[in-house]
Amino acid sequence: MLQEEVEHHVEEEEKPGSGVFAQARKGKLDLDAIGEQLAARKKELTASYKSSGVPEPDFTTLDEVSV
């Protein structure tokens, strides 16, 4: 049930013209810059959990995006 809800939500957000990504493009947001900021933050958080001894997450349904 959760998977269906998530898939439906993703569909809604990716709709051309009305989804969140279309709205971001209309707002002239620099999606490349935002992506770079997200990748940098992910790198910081990954280093943080590794240094604190927290086990690395196990991605079972999504492929991890490399940075």
C-alpha atoms as a PDB file:
ATOM      1  CA  MET A   1       0.000   0.000   0.000  1.00  0.00           C
ATOM      2  CA  LEU A   2       2.805   2.421   0.910  1.00  0.00           C
ATOM      3  CA  GLN A   3       4.597   1.716  -2.367  1.00  0.00           C
ATOM      4  CA  GLU A   4       1.438   2.551  -4.321  1.00  0.00           C
ATOM      5  CA  GLU A   5       1.041   5.820  -2.413  1.00  0.00           C
ATOM      6  CA  VAL A   6       4.665   6.792  -3.049  1.00  0.00           C
ATOM      7  CA  GLU A   7       4.438   5.923  -6.747  1.00  0.00           C
ATOM      8  CA  HIS A   8       1.250   7.989  -7.060  1.00  0.00           C
ATOM      9  CA  HIS A   9       2.913  10.930  -5.299  1.00  0.00           C
ATOM     10  CA  VAL A  10       5.940  10.757  -7.604  1.00  0.00           C
ATOM     11  CA  GLU A  11       3.630  10.688 -10.634  1.00  0.00           C
ATOM     12  CA  GLU A  12       1.882  13.821  -9.398  1.00  0.00           C
ATOM     13  CA  GLU A  13       5.160  15.661  -8.762  1.00  0.00           C
ATOM     14  CA  GLU A  14       6.583  14.768 -12.180  1.00  0.00           C
ATOM     15  CA  LYS A  15       3.558  15.906 -14.203  1.00  0.00           C
ATOM     16  CA  PRO A  16       4.552  18.224 -17.044  1.00  0.00           C
ATOM     17  CA  GLY A  17       3.209  21.710 -16.495  1.00  0.00           C
ATOM     18  CA  SER A  18       1.916  21.252 -12.954  1.00  0.00           C
ATOM     19  CA  GLY A  19       4.355  19.054 -11.037  1.00  0.00           C
ATOM     20  CA  VAL A  20       6.951  20.393  -8.646  1.00  0.00           C
ATOM     21  CA  PHE A  21       9.737  20.137 -11.236  1.00  0.00           C
ATOM     22  CA  ALA A  22       7.721  22.019 -13.856  1.00  0.00           C
ATOM     23  CA  GLN A  23       6.963  24.701 -11.276  1.00  0.00           C
ATOM     24  CA  ALA A  24      10.645  24.968 -10.378  1.00  0.00           C
ATOM     25  CA  ARG A  25      11.531  25.468 -14.046  1.00  0.00           C
ATOM     26  CA  LYS A  26       8.836  28.142 -14.400  1.00  0.00           C
ATOM     27  CA  GLY A  27      10.263  29.884 -11.345  1.00  0.00           C
ATOM     28  CA  LYS A  28      13.629  29.909 -13.089  1.00  0.00           C
ATOM     29  CA  LEU A  29      15.316  28.019 -10.256  1.00  0.00           C
ATOM     30  CA  ASP A  30      18.813  26.786 -11.004  1.00  0.00           C
ATOM     31  CA  LEU A  31      18.134  23.060 -10.685  1.00  0.00           C
ATOM     32  CA  ASP A  32      21.771  22.203 -11.406  1.00  0.00           C
ATOM     33  CA  ALA A  33      22.933  24.396  -8.514  1.00  0.00           C
ATOM     34  CA  ILE A  34      20.307  22.893  -6.214  1.00  0.00           C
ATOM     35  CA  GLY A  35      21.462  19.413  -7.240  1.00  0.00           C
ATOM     36  CA  GLU A  36      25.057  20.328  -6.437  1.00  0.00           C
ATOM     37  CA  GLN A  37      24.014  21.649  -3.019  1.00  0.00           C
ATOM     38  CA  LEU A  38      22.091  18.459  -2.288  1.00  0.00           C
ATOM     39  CA  ALA A  39      25.044  16.296  -3.348  1.00  0.00           C
ATOM     40  CA  ALA A  40      27.412  18.305  -1.128  1.00  0.00           C
ATOM     41  CA  ARG A  41      25.057  17.969   1.850  1.00  0.00           C
ATOM     42  CA  LYS A  42      24.691  14.237   1.240  1.00  0.00           C
ATOM     43  CA  LYS A  43      28.477  13.933   1.276  1.00  0.00           C
ATOM     44  CA  GLU A  44      28.633  15.820   4.605  1.00  0.00           C
ATOM     45  CA  LEU A  45      25.923  13.665   6.171  1.00  0.00           C
ATOM     46  CA  THR A  46      27.529  10.459   4.913  1.00  0.00           C
ATOM     47  CA  ALA A  47      30.867  11.451   6.456  1.00  0.00           C
ATOM     48  CA  SER A  48      29.076  12.323   9.694  1.00  0.00           C
ATOM     49  CA  TYR A  49      27.292   9.010  10.102  1.00  0.00           C
ATOM     50  CA  LYS A  50      30.409   7.057   9.134  1.00  0.00           C
ATOM     51  CA  SER A  51      32.521   8.856  11.749  1.00  0.00           C
ATOM     52  CA  SER A  52      29.873   8.341  14.449  1.00  0.00           C
ATOM     53  CA  GLY A  53      29.730   4.570  13.968  1.00  0.00           C
ATOM     54  CA  VAL A  54      26.191   4.471  12.610  1.00  0.00           C
ATOM     55  CA  PRO A  55      25.907   1.617  10.109  1.00  0.00           C
ATOM     56  CA  GLU A  56      25.605   2.519   6.451  1.00  0.00           C
ATOM     57  CA  PRO A  57      22.009   2.429   5.197  1.00  0.00           C
ATOM     58  CA  ASP A  58      20.934  -0.523   3.094  1.00  0.00           C
ATOM     59  CA  PHE A  59      19.057   0.608   0.000  1.00  0.00           C
ATOM     60  CA  THR A  60      16.707  -2.187  -0.953  1.00  0.00           C
ATOM     61  CA  THR A  61      14.219  -0.503  -3.303  1.00  0.00           C
ATOM     62  CA  LEU A  62      16.066   2.448  -4.795  1.00  0.00           C
ATOM     63  CA  ASP A  63      19.481   2.576  -6.392  1.00  0.00           C
ATOM     64  CA  GLU A  64      21.776   4.877  -4.479  1.00  0.00           C
ATOM     65  CA  VAL A  65      22.758   7.921  -6.514  1.00  0.00           C
ATOM     66  CA  SER A  66      26.504   8.340  -6.586  1.00  0.00           C
ATOM     67  CA  VAL A  67      27.971  11.747  -5.807  1.00  0.00           C
END
